[in-house]
Amino acid sequence: MAGEDAIEVEGIVTERLAAGLFHLKLPNGHTILAHTPMRLLEQVREAVPGDRLTVEMTPFDMSKGRVKSIRKI
């Protein structure tokens, strides 16, 4: 997904799932499933509902994304 066509957006964690997966609510009201790459697992381990995650999405599938960074509340 890294490249010029990637869309970067910030979402709020609504639910934390197993294995580095999160449900995020985007500013436009949509909910997506975001996964965490291995290099960021330690950073997002303490992510709780209400935290903000920056995700990168492809324009081909806007229902999924990859976590880029975390911002604690």
C-alpha atoms as a PDB file:
ATOM      1  CA  MET A   1       0.000   0.000   0.000  1.00  0.00           C
ATOM      2  CA  ALA A   2       2.891   2.354   0.369  1.00  0.00           C
ATOM      3  CA  GLY A   3       2.909   4.697  -2.527  1.00  0.00           C
ATOM      4  CA  GLU A   4       1.271   7.673  -4.100  1.00  0.00           C
ATOM      5  CA  ASP A   5      -2.209   6.117  -4.253  1.00  0.00           C
ATOM      6  CA  ALA A   6      -2.458   5.422  -0.490  1.00  0.00           C
ATOM      7  CA  ILE A   7      -5.003   7.409   1.525  1.00  0.00           C
ATOM      8  CA  GLU A   8      -3.987   8.433   5.035  1.00  0.00           C
ATOM      9  CA  VAL A   9      -6.708   9.183   7.585  1.00  0.00           C
ATOM     10  CA  GLU A  10      -7.024   9.343  11.378  1.00  0.00           C
ATOM     11  CA  GLY A  11      -9.683   7.278  13.138  1.00  0.00           C
ATOM     12  CA  ILE A  12     -10.849   6.650  16.692  1.00  0.00           C
ATOM     13  CA  VAL A  13     -10.603   3.145  18.157  1.00  0.00           C
ATOM     14  CA  THR A  14     -14.096   1.836  18.905  1.00  0.00           C
ATOM     15  CA  GLU A  15     -13.154  -1.775  19.618  1.00  0.00           C
ATOM     16  CA  ARG A  16      -9.933  -3.661  20.143  1.00  0.00           C
ATOM     17  CA  LEU A  17      -9.824  -7.151  18.681  1.00  0.00           C
ATOM     18  CA  ALA A  18      -7.237  -9.920  19.001  1.00  0.00           C
ATOM     19  CA  ALA A  19      -3.872 -10.025  17.244  1.00  0.00           C
ATOM     20  CA  GLY A  20      -3.428  -6.305  16.573  1.00  0.00           C
ATOM     21  CA  LEU A  21      -6.808  -5.727  14.910  1.00  0.00           C
ATOM     22  CA  PHE A  22      -9.003  -2.710  15.632  1.00  0.00           C
ATOM     23  CA  HIS A  23     -12.378  -1.343  14.602  1.00  0.00           C
ATOM     24  CA  LEU A  24     -11.950   2.359  13.862  1.00  0.00           C
ATOM     25  CA  LYS A  25     -14.547   5.059  13.334  1.00  0.00           C
ATOM     26  CA  LEU A  26     -13.465   7.549  10.678  1.00  0.00           C
ATOM     27  CA  PRO A  27     -14.414  11.246  10.608  1.00  0.00           C
ATOM     28  CA  ASN A  28     -16.878  10.566   7.783  1.00  0.00           C
ATOM     29  CA  GLY A  29     -18.806   8.100   9.997  1.00  0.00           C
ATOM     30  CA  HIS A  30     -17.619   4.857   8.379  1.00  0.00           C
ATOM     31  CA  THR A  31     -16.183   2.011  10.429  1.00  0.00           C
ATOM     32  CA  ILE A  32     -13.159   0.093   9.142  1.00  0.00           C
ATOM     33  CA  LEU A  33     -11.037  -2.839  10.231  1.00  0.00           C
ATOM     34  CA  ALA A  34      -7.388  -1.879  10.776  1.00  0.00           C
ATOM     35  CA  HIS A  35      -4.468  -4.258  11.216  1.00  0.00           C
ATOM     36  CA  THR A  36      -1.132  -3.505  12.815  1.00  0.00           C
ATOM     37  CA  PRO A  37       2.181  -4.319  11.107  1.00  0.00           C
ATOM     38  CA  MET A  38       4.668  -6.318  13.166  1.00  0.00           C
ATOM     39  CA  ARG A  39       6.993  -3.346  13.668  1.00  0.00           C
ATOM     40  CA  LEU A  40       4.256  -1.367  15.470  1.00  0.00           C
ATOM     41  CA  LEU A  41       2.771  -4.114  17.655  1.00  0.00           C
ATOM     42  CA  GLU A  42       4.632  -2.928  20.770  1.00  0.00           C
ATOM     43  CA  GLN A  43       3.388   0.662  20.338  1.00  0.00           C
ATOM     44  CA  VAL A  44      -0.285  -0.182  19.836  1.00  0.00           C
ATOM     45  CA  ARG A  45      -0.417  -2.890  22.474  1.00  0.00           C
ATOM     46  CA  GLU A  46      -1.789  -0.372  24.992  1.00  0.00           C
ATOM     47  CA  ALA A  47      -4.295   1.186  22.575  1.00  0.00           C
ATOM     48  CA  VAL A  48      -7.759   1.426  24.119  1.00  0.00           C
ATOM     49  CA  PRO A  49     -11.120   2.640  22.793  1.00  0.00           C
ATOM     50  CA  GLY A  50     -10.960   6.392  22.334  1.00  0.00           C
ATOM     51  CA  ASP A  51      -7.328   6.489  21.174  1.00  0.00           C
ATOM     52  CA  ARG A  52      -6.588   7.893  17.734  1.00  0.00           C
ATOM     53  CA  LEU A  53      -4.791   5.799  15.142  1.00  0.00           C
ATOM     54  CA  THR A  54      -3.515   7.015  11.802  1.00  0.00           C
ATOM     55  CA  VAL A  55      -4.234   4.437   9.125  1.00  0.00           C
ATOM     56  CA  GLU A  56      -3.247   4.032   5.508  1.00  0.00           C
ATOM     57  CA  MET A  57      -5.894   2.716   3.101  1.00  0.00           C
ATOM     58  CA  THR A  58      -5.872   1.770  -0.533  1.00  0.00           C
ATOM     59  CA  PRO A  59      -8.485   3.389  -2.781  1.00  0.00           C
ATOM     60  CA  PHE A  60      -9.459  -0.080  -4.016  1.00  0.00           C
ATOM     61  CA  ASP A  61     -10.780  -1.320  -0.639  1.00  0.00           C
ATOM     62  CA  MET A  62     -11.954   1.403   1.718  1.00  0.00           C
ATOM     63  CA  SER A  63     -13.150  -1.045   4.401  1.00  0.00           C
ATOM     64  CA  LYS A  64      -9.667  -2.029   5.607  1.00  0.00           C
ATOM     65  CA  GLY A  65      -6.515  -0.193   6.585  1.00  0.00           C
ATOM     66  CA  ARG A  66      -3.022  -0.530   8.032  1.00  0.00           C
ATOM     67  CA  VAL A  67      -2.004   1.311  11.207  1.00  0.00           C
ATOM     68  CA  LYS A  68       0.791   3.861  10.719  1.00  0.00           C
ATOM     69  CA  SER A  69       0.909   5.562  14.133  1.00  0.00           C
ATOM     70  CA  ILE A  70      -0.927   5.990  17.442  1.00  0.00           C
ATOM     71  CA  ARG A  71      -1.913   9.075  19.411  1.00  0.00           C
ATOM     72  CA  LYS A  72      -3.000   8.420  22.994  1.00  0.00           C
ATOM     73  CA  ILE A  73      -5.874  10.375  24.524  1.00  0.00           C
END
